[in-house]
Protein backbone atom coordinates (compact mmCIF):
# COMPACT_ATOMS: atom_id res chain seq x y z
CA UNK A 1 7.22 6.14 22.33
CA UNK A 2 10.81 6.06 23.53
CA UNK A 3 13.33 5.26 20.81
CA UNK A 4 16.23 2.88 21.50
CA UNK A 5 18.97 1.25 19.41
CA UNK A 6 19.64 -2.43 19.06
CA UNK A 7 22.91 -3.42 17.31
CA UNK A 8 23.07 -6.77 15.55
CA UNK A 9 26.71 -6.75 14.62
CA UNK A 10 26.85 -10.27 13.26
CA UNK A 11 24.61 -9.20 10.46
CA UNK A 12 26.49 -5.93 9.94
CA UNK A 13 23.29 -3.95 10.41
CA UNK A 14 21.93 -1.57 13.02
CA UNK A 15 18.20 -1.43 13.55
CA UNK A 16 16.54 1.68 14.99
CA UNK A 17 13.71 0.20 16.99
CA UNK A 18 11.02 1.29 19.33
CA UNK A 19 10.88 0.21 22.93
CA UNK A 20 7.89 0.59 25.19
CA UNK A 21 7.07 -0.49 28.70
CA UNK A 22 6.64 -3.99 27.29
CA UNK A 23 9.58 -5.86 25.65
CA UNK A 24 8.03 -5.08 22.27
CA UNK A 25 10.48 -3.63 19.77
CA UNK A 26 9.26 -2.04 16.60
CA UNK A 27 10.79 -0.35 13.56
CA UNK A 28 8.17 1.54 11.62
CA UNK A 29 9.78 1.28 8.23
CA UNK A 30 12.95 -0.55 7.08
CA UNK A 31 13.67 1.66 4.06
CA UNK A 32 16.47 3.63 5.77
CA UNK A 33 18.14 0.51 7.14
CA UNK A 34 17.99 -1.11 3.77
CA UNK A 35 19.70 1.93 2.19
CA UNK A 36 22.46 1.77 4.81
CA UNK A 37 22.96 -1.95 4.10
CA UNK A 38 23.21 -1.30 0.34
CA UNK A 39 25.80 1.38 1.08
CA UNK A 40 27.90 -1.14 3.01
CA UNK A 41 28.04 -3.55 0.06
CA UNK A 42 27.81 -0.97 -2.72
CA UNK A 43 29.75 2.16 -1.64
CA UNK A 44 28.23 5.29 -3.14
CA UNK A 45 24.71 3.82 -3.25
CA UNK A 46 23.17 6.43 -0.96
CA UNK A 47 24.69 9.35 -2.84
CA UNK A 48 23.62 7.82 -6.14
CA UNK A 49 20.11 7.43 -4.74
CA UNK A 50 20.03 11.07 -3.72
CA UNK A 51 21.28 12.10 -7.17
CA UNK A 52 18.70 9.90 -8.76
CA UNK A 53 15.92 11.37 -6.68
CA UNK A 54 16.94 14.89 -7.64
CA UNK A 55 16.91 13.87 -11.37
CA UNK A 56 13.54 12.24 -10.92
CA UNK A 57 12.21 15.34 -9.14
CA UNK A 58 13.59 17.63 -11.76
CA UNK A 59 12.00 15.51 -14.45
CA UNK A 60 8.64 16.50 -13.00
CA UNK A 61 9.40 20.24 -12.79
CA UNK A 62 7.84 22.25 -15.58
CA UNK A 63 6.23 19.15 -17.07
CA UNK A 64 2.53 19.44 -17.69
CA UNK A 65 1.01 16.22 -16.44
CA UNK A 66 -1.89 14.58 -18.18
CA UNK A 67 -5.34 15.93 -17.38
CA UNK A 68 -6.41 15.09 -13.87
CA UNK A 69 -8.26 11.92 -14.94
CA UNK A 70 -8.84 9.37 -12.25
CA UNK A 71 -6.15 6.67 -12.37
CA UNK A 72 -7.10 3.18 -11.20
CA UNK A 73 -4.55 0.98 -9.48
CA UNK A 74 -5.27 -2.78 -9.38
CA UNK A 75 -4.21 -4.31 -6.08
CA UNK A 76 -3.63 -7.91 -5.06
CA UNK A 77 -3.25 -8.64 -1.36
CA UNK A 78 -1.39 -11.86 -0.52
CA UNK A 79 -2.27 -13.00 3.00
CA UNK A 80 0.38 -15.50 4.11
CA UNK A 81 -0.39 -17.00 7.52
CA UNK A 82 1.10 -19.57 9.87
CA UNK A 83 -1.05 -22.71 9.58
CA UNK A 84 -0.99 -23.07 13.36
CA UNK A 85 -2.30 -19.49 13.85
CA UNK A 86 -5.54 -18.95 12.00
CA UNK A 87 -5.92 -15.47 13.48
CA UNK A 88 -3.18 -14.30 11.06
CA UNK A 89 -5.52 -15.17 8.15
CA UNK A 90 -7.08 -11.68 8.14
CA UNK A 91 -10.76 -11.47 7.19
CA UNK A 92 -11.95 -9.90 3.94
CA UNK A 93 -13.39 -7.03 6.03
CA UNK A 94 -9.88 -6.07 7.17
CA UNK A 95 -8.63 -6.06 3.60
CA UNK A 96 -11.49 -3.95 2.37
CA UNK A 97 -11.00 -1.56 5.30
CA UNK A 98 -7.35 -1.05 4.34
CA UNK A 99 -8.29 -0.39 0.69
CA UNK A 100 -10.72 2.27 1.85
CA UNK A 101 -8.03 3.85 4.03
CA UNK A 102 -5.67 4.02 1.03
CA UNK A 103 -8.32 5.69 -1.10
CA UNK A 104 -9.19 8.18 1.64
CA UNK A 105 -5.57 9.02 2.45
CA UNK A 106 -4.31 9.41 -1.07
CA UNK A 107 -7.32 11.42 -2.23
CA UNK A 108 -7.46 13.51 0.98
CA UNK A 109 -11.03 12.47 1.78
CA UNK A 110 -10.05 11.20 5.22
CA UNK A 111 -12.06 12.84 8.00
CA UNK A 112 -9.02 13.88 10.05
CA UNK A 113 -7.70 16.42 7.48
CA UNK A 114 -9.40 18.89 9.80
CA UNK A 115 -6.56 18.27 12.23
CA UNK A 116 -4.03 19.86 9.87
CA UNK A 117 -2.44 22.92 11.45
CA UNK A 118 -2.99 26.18 9.59
CA UNK A 119 0.79 26.52 9.21
CA UNK A 120 0.59 24.07 6.34
CA UNK A 121 -2.32 25.60 4.35
CA UNK A 122 0.27 26.77 1.82
CA UNK A 123 1.54 23.25 1.01
CA UNK A 124 -1.59 21.03 1.14
CA UNK A 125 -4.28 20.89 -1.42
CA UNK A 126 -6.23 18.34 -3.40
CA UNK A 127 -5.58 14.62 -3.38
CA UNK A 128 -3.92 12.43 -6.00
CA UNK A 129 -7.18 11.46 -7.76
CA UNK A 130 -6.46 7.75 -7.87
CA UNK A 131 -8.54 4.75 -6.95
CA UNK A 132 -7.05 1.61 -5.36
CA UNK A 133 -9.17 -1.37 -6.37
CA UNK A 134 -8.78 -4.99 -5.55
CA UNK A 135 -8.14 -6.67 -8.90
CA UNK A 136 -11.19 -8.04 -10.71
CA UNK A 137 -9.14 -10.42 -12.89
CA UNK A 138 -6.04 -12.47 -12.16
CA UNK A 139 -3.08 -12.67 -14.63
CA UNK A 140 -4.83 -15.52 -16.48
CA UNK A 141 -7.97 -13.42 -16.99
CA UNK A 142 -10.07 -15.27 -14.46
CA UNK A 143 -12.42 -13.34 -12.12
CA UNK A 144 -10.90 -12.82 -8.67
CA UNK A 145 -11.55 -11.04 -5.42
CA UNK A 146 -8.00 -9.65 -5.52
CA UNK A 147 -7.09 -11.55 -2.36
CA UNK A 148 -4.92 -14.64 -2.19
CA UNK A 149 -4.57 -16.77 0.94
CA UNK A 150 -1.61 -19.01 1.64
CA UNK A 151 -1.17 -21.29 4.62
CA UNK A 152 2.47 -21.77 5.42
CA UNK A 153 4.70 -23.69 7.84
CA UNK A 154 6.96 -20.65 8.08
CA UNK A 155 6.34 -19.00 11.45
CA UNK A 156 8.19 -15.81 10.55
CA UNK A 157 9.66 -14.54 7.27
CA UNK A 158 12.22 -12.29 8.94
CA UNK A 159 15.42 -13.11 7.05
CA UNK A 160 18.76 -11.63 8.09
CA UNK A 161 20.65 -13.87 5.59
CA UNK A 162 18.53 -12.53 2.77
CA UNK A 163 19.43 -8.99 3.74
CA UNK A 164 23.12 -9.91 3.55
CA UNK A 165 22.55 -11.10 0.01
CA UNK A 166 21.05 -7.75 -0.99
CA UNK A 167 17.44 -8.70 -0.49
CA UNK A 168 14.82 -7.18 1.81
CA UNK A 169 13.60 -7.96 5.27
CA UNK A 170 11.23 -10.78 4.28
CA UNK A 171 11.68 -11.48 0.58
CA UNK A 172 10.85 -15.18 0.84
CA UNK A 173 7.19 -14.28 1.45
CA UNK A 174 7.07 -13.30 -2.23
CA UNK A 175 7.78 -16.81 -3.49
CA UNK A 176 5.52 -19.88 -3.28
CA UNK A 177 8.56 -22.15 -3.31
CA UNK A 178 9.81 -20.43 -0.15
CA UNK A 179 6.55 -20.80 1.76
CA UNK A 180 5.03 -17.52 0.57
CA UNK A 181 2.95 -16.48 -2.41
CA UNK A 182 4.24 -15.68 -5.88
CA UNK A 183 3.79 -12.13 -7.13
CA UNK A 184 1.25 -11.41 -9.83
CA UNK A 185 2.59 -9.47 -12.83
CA UNK A 186 4.26 -6.54 -11.05
CA UNK A 187 3.87 -4.21 -14.01
CA UNK A 188 0.09 -4.61 -13.88
CA UNK A 189 -0.69 -5.14 -10.18
CA UNK A 190 0.42 -3.48 -6.98
CA UNK A 191 1.27 -6.55 -4.91
CA UNK A 192 0.94 -6.27 -1.12
CA UNK A 193 2.06 -9.18 1.11
CA UNK A 194 0.66 -9.43 4.68
CA UNK A 195 2.73 -11.80 6.84
CA UNK A 196 4.69 -12.22 10.05
CA UNK A 197 8.18 -10.62 10.16
CA UNK A 198 8.63 -10.89 13.95
CA UNK A 199 11.71 -12.10 15.79
CA UNK A 200 11.19 -14.73 18.49
CA UNK A 201 13.31 -14.19 21.62
CA UNK A 202 12.83 -16.02 24.87
CA UNK A 203 9.55 -17.47 23.59
CA UNK A 204 8.25 -14.01 22.88
CA UNK A 205 7.32 -12.72 19.47
CA UNK A 206 8.85 -9.29 18.80
CA UNK A 207 7.73 -7.44 15.67
CA UNK A 208 10.92 -5.94 14.26
CA UNK A 209 9.51 -3.91 11.38
CA UNK A 210 6.05 -2.72 10.46
CA UNK A 211 6.64 -2.79 6.71
CA UNK A 212 8.86 -2.01 3.74
CA UNK A 213 8.41 -1.30 0.04
CA UNK A 214 10.32 -1.02 -3.21
CA UNK A 215 10.52 2.31 -4.99
CA UNK A 216 10.10 2.48 -8.77
CA UNK A 217 13.12 0.58 -10.10
CA UNK A 218 13.49 2.57 -13.32
CA UNK A 219 13.43 6.16 -12.18
CA UNK A 220 15.96 8.30 -14.13
CA UNK A 221 19.55 7.64 -13.05
CA UNK A 222 18.42 5.20 -10.35
CA UNK A 223 21.43 3.17 -9.20
CA UNK A 224 22.04 -0.14 -10.90
CA UNK A 225 20.24 -2.82 -8.95
CA UNK A 226 18.74 -0.01 -6.92
CA UNK A 227 16.42 -2.38 -5.09
CA UNK A 228 18.99 -5.17 -4.80
CA UNK A 229 17.42 -8.57 -5.09
CA UNK A 230 14.06 -7.34 -3.88
CA UNK A 231 10.91 -8.27 -5.71
CA UNK A 232 8.67 -5.29 -6.44
CA UNK A 233 5.83 -4.55 -4.02
CA UNK A 234 4.88 -3.83 -0.37
CA UNK A 235 5.24 -6.05 2.68
CA UNK A 236 3.37 -5.35 5.95
CA UNK A 237 3.47 -6.96 9.36
CA UNK A 238 0.06 -8.60 9.83
CA UNK A 239 -0.94 -6.78 13.03
CA UNK A 240 -0.57 -3.43 11.35
CA UNK A 241 -2.78 -3.93 8.28
CA UNK A 242 -6.17 -2.13 8.42
CA UNK A 243 -7.70 -0.18 11.26
CA UNK A 244 -10.22 -2.91 12.24
CA UNK A 245 -7.57 -5.61 12.65
CA UNK A 246 -8.49 -7.87 15.63
CA UNK A 247 -4.91 -9.24 15.95
CA UNK A 248 -3.34 -6.02 17.23
CA UNK A 249 -1.59 -6.92 20.49
CA UNK A 250 1.02 -4.20 20.84
CA UNK A 251 0.42 -2.25 24.03
CA UNK A 252 -0.05 1.50 23.59
CA UNK A 253 0.48 1.30 19.81
CA UNK A 254 -2.29 2.71 17.63
CA UNK A 255 -3.08 1.08 14.31
CA UNK A 256 -5.06 3.17 11.87
CA UNK A 257 -3.92 1.62 8.59
CA UNK A 258 -1.33 4.34 7.95
CA UNK A 259 1.58 1.86 7.84
CA UNK A 260 0.30 0.77 4.42
CA UNK A 261 -0.23 4.43 3.39
CA UNK A 262 3.40 5.17 4.30
CA UNK A 263 4.77 2.15 2.40
CA UNK A 264 2.71 2.82 -0.71
CA UNK A 265 4.15 6.32 -0.62
CA UNK A 266 7.60 4.67 -0.94
CA UNK A 267 6.22 2.42 -3.70
CA UNK A 268 5.22 5.57 -5.58
CA UNK A 269 8.62 7.25 -5.22
CA UNK A 270 8.53 9.20 -1.96
CA UNK A 271 11.24 9.16 0.70
CA UNK A 272 10.95 9.83 4.42
CA UNK A 273 10.20 13.46 5.04
CA UNK A 274 13.61 13.98 6.79
CA UNK A 275 15.54 12.55 3.80
CA UNK A 276 16.84 9.52 5.73
CA UNK A 277 19.39 11.57 7.65
CA UNK A 278 19.55 12.54 11.32
CA UNK A 279 20.48 16.16 10.64
CA UNK A 280 18.96 19.16 9.00
CA UNK A 281 21.35 19.26 6.02
CA UNK A 282 19.56 16.68 3.90
CA UNK A 283 15.90 16.43 3.06
CA UNK A 284 13.56 14.33 0.99
CA UNK A 285 14.05 16.31 -2.21
CA UNK A 286 10.51 17.67 -2.11
CA UNK A 287 10.36 21.43 -2.17
CA UNK A 288 7.29 21.92 0.01
CA UNK A 289 8.03 19.47 2.83
CA UNK A 290 9.74 21.13 5.83
CA UNK A 291 13.06 19.75 7.01
CA UNK A 292 13.03 17.75 10.21
CA UNK A 293 15.08 15.25 12.10
CA UNK A 294 14.09 11.59 12.28
CA UNK A 295 13.67 11.85 16.05
CA UNK A 296 11.44 14.90 15.88
CA UNK A 297 8.30 13.02 16.90
CA UNK A 298 9.04 10.61 19.71
CA UNK A 299 5.44 10.44 20.86
CA UNK A 300 2.21 12.27 20.33
CA UNK A 301 1.74 15.28 18.12
CA UNK A 302 4.08 17.89 19.58
CA UNK A 303 4.71 21.25 17.96
CA UNK A 304 8.47 21.42 17.19
CA UNK A 305 10.81 23.06 14.72
CA UNK A 306 13.92 20.86 14.81
CA UNK A 307 15.36 22.43 11.64
CA UNK A 308 15.31 26.22 11.31
CA UNK A 309 16.75 26.34 7.78
CA UNK A 310 13.48 25.93 5.92
CA UNK A 311 12.48 28.36 3.23
CA UNK A 312 9.15 27.12 1.87
CA UNK A 313 7.48 29.96 0.01
CA UNK A 314 9.41 32.30 2.30
CA UNK A 315 8.24 30.65 5.49
CA UNK A 316 10.18 28.58 8.08
CA UNK A 317 7.62 25.86 8.76
CA UNK A 318 7.64 23.63 11.84
CA UNK A 319 8.06 19.85 11.70
CA UNK A 320 5.15 18.35 9.78
CA UNK A 321 3.92 15.50 11.97
CA UNK A 322 0.81 15.44 9.78
CA UNK A 323 2.81 14.00 6.86
CA UNK A 324 2.30 10.32 6.05
CA UNK A 325 6.05 9.95 5.30
CA UNK A 326 7.02 11.02 8.84
CA UNK A 327 7.48 8.61 11.79
CA UNK A 328 4.83 10.38 13.84
CA UNK A 329 1.95 8.47 15.50
CA UNK A 330 -0.73 7.35 13.06
CA UNK A 331 -3.33 9.61 14.66
CA UNK A 332 -1.09 12.60 13.87
CA UNK A 333 -0.81 11.85 10.20
CA UNK A 334 -3.40 13.10 7.69
CA UNK A 335 -1.87 14.49 4.47
CA UNK A 336 0.67 14.57 1.69
CA UNK A 337 1.91 17.90 0.32
CA UNK A 338 1.17 19.22 -3.13
CA UNK A 339 4.71 18.44 -4.38
CA UNK A 340 4.57 14.93 -3.00
CA UNK A 341 1.33 14.43 -4.82
CA UNK A 342 2.81 15.82 -8.03
CA UNK A 343 5.81 13.45 -7.86
CA UNK A 344 3.62 10.40 -7.22
CA UNK A 345 1.30 11.41 -10.06
CA UNK A 346 4.33 11.78 -12.31
CA UNK A 347 5.58 8.31 -11.34
CA UNK A 348 2.15 6.86 -12.24
CA UNK A 349 2.23 8.56 -15.59
CA UNK A 350 5.85 7.55 -16.28
CA UNK A 351 7.79 4.95 -14.29
CA UNK A 352 4.64 3.00 -13.31
CA UNK A 353 2.49 3.87 -16.27
CA UNK A 354 1.70 0.22 -17.12
CA UNK A 355 0.11 -0.12 -13.70
CA UNK A 356 -2.67 2.39 -14.54
CA UNK A 357 -2.83 1.86 -18.36
CA UNK A 358 -6.30 1.71 -19.84
CA UNK A 359 -5.56 -1.67 -21.42
CA UNK A 360 -4.50 -3.19 -18.10
CA UNK A 361 -6.79 -6.20 -17.97
CA UNK A 362 -6.49 -6.48 -14.19
CA UNK A 363 -9.55 -4.24 -13.78
CA UNK A 364 -11.12 -4.20 -17.27
CA UNK A 365 -13.88 -6.48 -18.55
CA UNK A 366 -12.27 -8.77 -21.11
CA UNK A 367 -14.26 -9.54 -24.23
CA UNK A 368 -13.36 -13.22 -24.24
CA UNK A 369 -14.88 -13.67 -20.79
CA UNK A 370 -18.23 -12.12 -21.59
CA UNK A 371 -21.54 -13.94 -21.86
CA UNK A 372 -24.64 -12.72 -23.63
CA UNK A 373 -26.68 -12.02 -20.51
CA UNK A 374 -29.14 -9.18 -20.12
CA UNK A 375 -30.24 -7.70 -16.78
CA UNK A 376 -33.53 -5.91 -16.12
CA UNK A 377 -34.54 -3.66 -14.60
CA UNK A 378 -31.14 -1.97 -14.47
CA UNK A 379 -30.84 0.30 -12.50
CA UNK A 380 -32.87 -1.47 -9.84
CA UNK A 381 -33.79 -1.09 -6.20
CA UNK A 382 -35.11 -4.52 -5.16
CA UNK A 383 -34.80 -7.33 -7.70
CA UNK A 384 -32.86 -7.94 -10.93
CA UNK A 385 -33.62 -10.62 -13.50
CA UNK A 386 -30.80 -12.16 -15.56
CA UNK A 387 -31.78 -13.54 -19.01
CA UNK A 388 -29.40 -15.48 -21.27
CA UNK A 389 -29.66 -16.53 -24.89
CA UNK A 390 -28.67 -20.09 -23.91
CA UNK A 391 -29.04 -22.47 -21.01
CA UNK A 392 -26.58 -21.75 -18.20
CA UNK A 393 -25.78 -23.70 -15.10
CA UNK A 394 -23.46 -22.19 -12.52
CA UNK A 395 -22.81 -19.71 -9.80
CA UNK A 396 -23.69 -16.02 -9.98
CA UNK A 397 -21.54 -13.63 -8.01
CA UNK A 398 -22.18 -9.89 -7.54
CA UNK A 399 -18.98 -8.03 -6.70
CA UNK A 400 -18.56 -4.44 -5.50
CA UNK A 401 -15.83 -2.10 -6.83
CA UNK A 402 -13.41 -3.08 -4.02
CA UNK A 403 -13.57 -6.71 -5.21
CA UNK A 404 -15.75 -7.96 -2.36
CA UNK A 405 -18.42 -10.56 -3.17
CA UNK A 406 -21.63 -9.07 -1.75
CA UNK A 407 -24.24 -11.48 -3.12
CA UNK A 408 -24.34 -14.95 -4.58
CA UNK A 409 -26.98 -16.95 -6.40
CA UNK A 410 -27.30 -19.80 -8.93
CA UNK A 411 -28.70 -20.11 -12.44
CA UNK A 412 -29.95 -23.29 -14.09
CA UNK A 413 -31.55 -22.40 -17.39
CA UNK A 414 -31.91 -19.15 -19.30
CA UNK A 415 -33.35 -16.96 -16.54
CA UNK A 416 -33.17 -16.24 -12.81
CA UNK A 417 -34.18 -13.42 -10.44
CA UNK A 418 -32.01 -12.13 -7.63
CA UNK A 419 -32.99 -10.07 -4.55
CA UNK A 420 -30.51 -7.16 -4.29
CA UNK A 421 -32.58 -5.02 -1.94
CA UNK A 422 -29.95 -5.47 0.83
CA UNK A 423 -27.14 -3.97 -1.26
CA UNK A 424 -25.98 -0.41 -0.77
CA UNK A 425 -26.48 2.00 -3.63
CA UNK A 426 -23.66 1.79 -6.14
CA UNK A 427 -22.20 0.00 -9.13
CA UNK A 428 -21.51 -3.72 -9.10
CA UNK A 429 -20.02 -6.31 -11.47
CA UNK A 430 -21.97 -9.50 -12.16
CA UNK A 431 -20.19 -12.79 -12.88
CA UNK A 432 -22.04 -15.82 -14.24
CA UNK A 433 -20.23 -19.17 -14.41
CA UNK A 434 -17.00 -17.31 -13.59
CA UNK A 435 -17.49 -14.98 -16.57
CA UNK A 436 -18.99 -11.53 -16.92
CA UNK A 437 -22.57 -11.18 -18.03
CA UNK A 438 -24.05 -7.75 -18.64
CA UNK A 439 -21.17 -6.63 -16.44
CA UNK A 440 -22.47 -3.55 -14.66
CA UNK A 441 -25.42 -3.58 -12.30
CA UNK A 442 -26.55 -0.22 -10.86
CA UNK A 443 -28.33 -0.36 -7.47
CA UNK A 444 -30.15 2.83 -6.38
């Protein structure tokens, strides 16, 4: 894609945007622009951010992280859609597809890792060993699919005035009173908002930014009010969420779900691979990511070495279009580096430790929501019978580990039998009358 610049002086901001043969203008990520804005109202912010990142990075060096146990991150996806445009209300299948992409990309189980050039064998390794799961319980302890849906009269949440006040690109989407959806407890859930952030010019909708995210607000020496008035979480333009999204209408722009991967990288403490500078002097503060310029990948996956001052394990590596924190095409991207993984793991064990804590009820089965219900046979292949010690009357929902309801039934009495032969092999949660019964059902 050809890169152009659009100056919006009245708002004291300059957006780097992408122009194509159509009038569509796109900015992949607004993190850099937000940093420039903060610098304009808080001189020294960018330098303080760089200093803070170095302190945060140094805090990981030489520190023995916890054993490589699998960390589970509860996710809530807030779909906020224009009531006149039902196609913006993305289907559950799109949400589940994006969760799978996150799990594949962060654990390096994505099939396209085979596209990694051999140059980078020295910096890529295992994945982060985390599991993104749609939350099983809401903040009140009620069973949930981890998806909220809000119909709004707001056609677009793009908010230049909010940016002038130190907020983000579309902060109003994070508040019910502003036409959006209130965040769930941000210490316990990773909140993702999917909405419209497009600008309307001459009756044409122009997506201005694909997404943005807040970094951990309490990293060591992070500048005061380092995320301004932004509410913690990730915001994504609705056409760029998931790889099976039917709403994609941007000519020649591929959508593979990597916009969310990129933004979650920011959420877990990573910066753009070029360090948010257009020269080779600054970098992202990660020792094993090669320096590059922001414009290094204008289109396609082209072998370049725009910065020749790298010294990574004694090697001058080329630009790493494969890195999720680059601006390369989504089909080019396939990996994080070892040091990026170590920093994100450190953030999850420190700055965002509450998110993955064992007592985080967002994913756990809570004792006060249990019923005395037995299931047999368990494991099963075809049918399972639920037996209670008292008469029950209500819905039965079987939910997979991504939070998707895969089977429903009804009980009226102390016993019922359910056909589960159509389910894929795996582990499921069983909810009876909105509460958990025997909890885990194993289908083989």
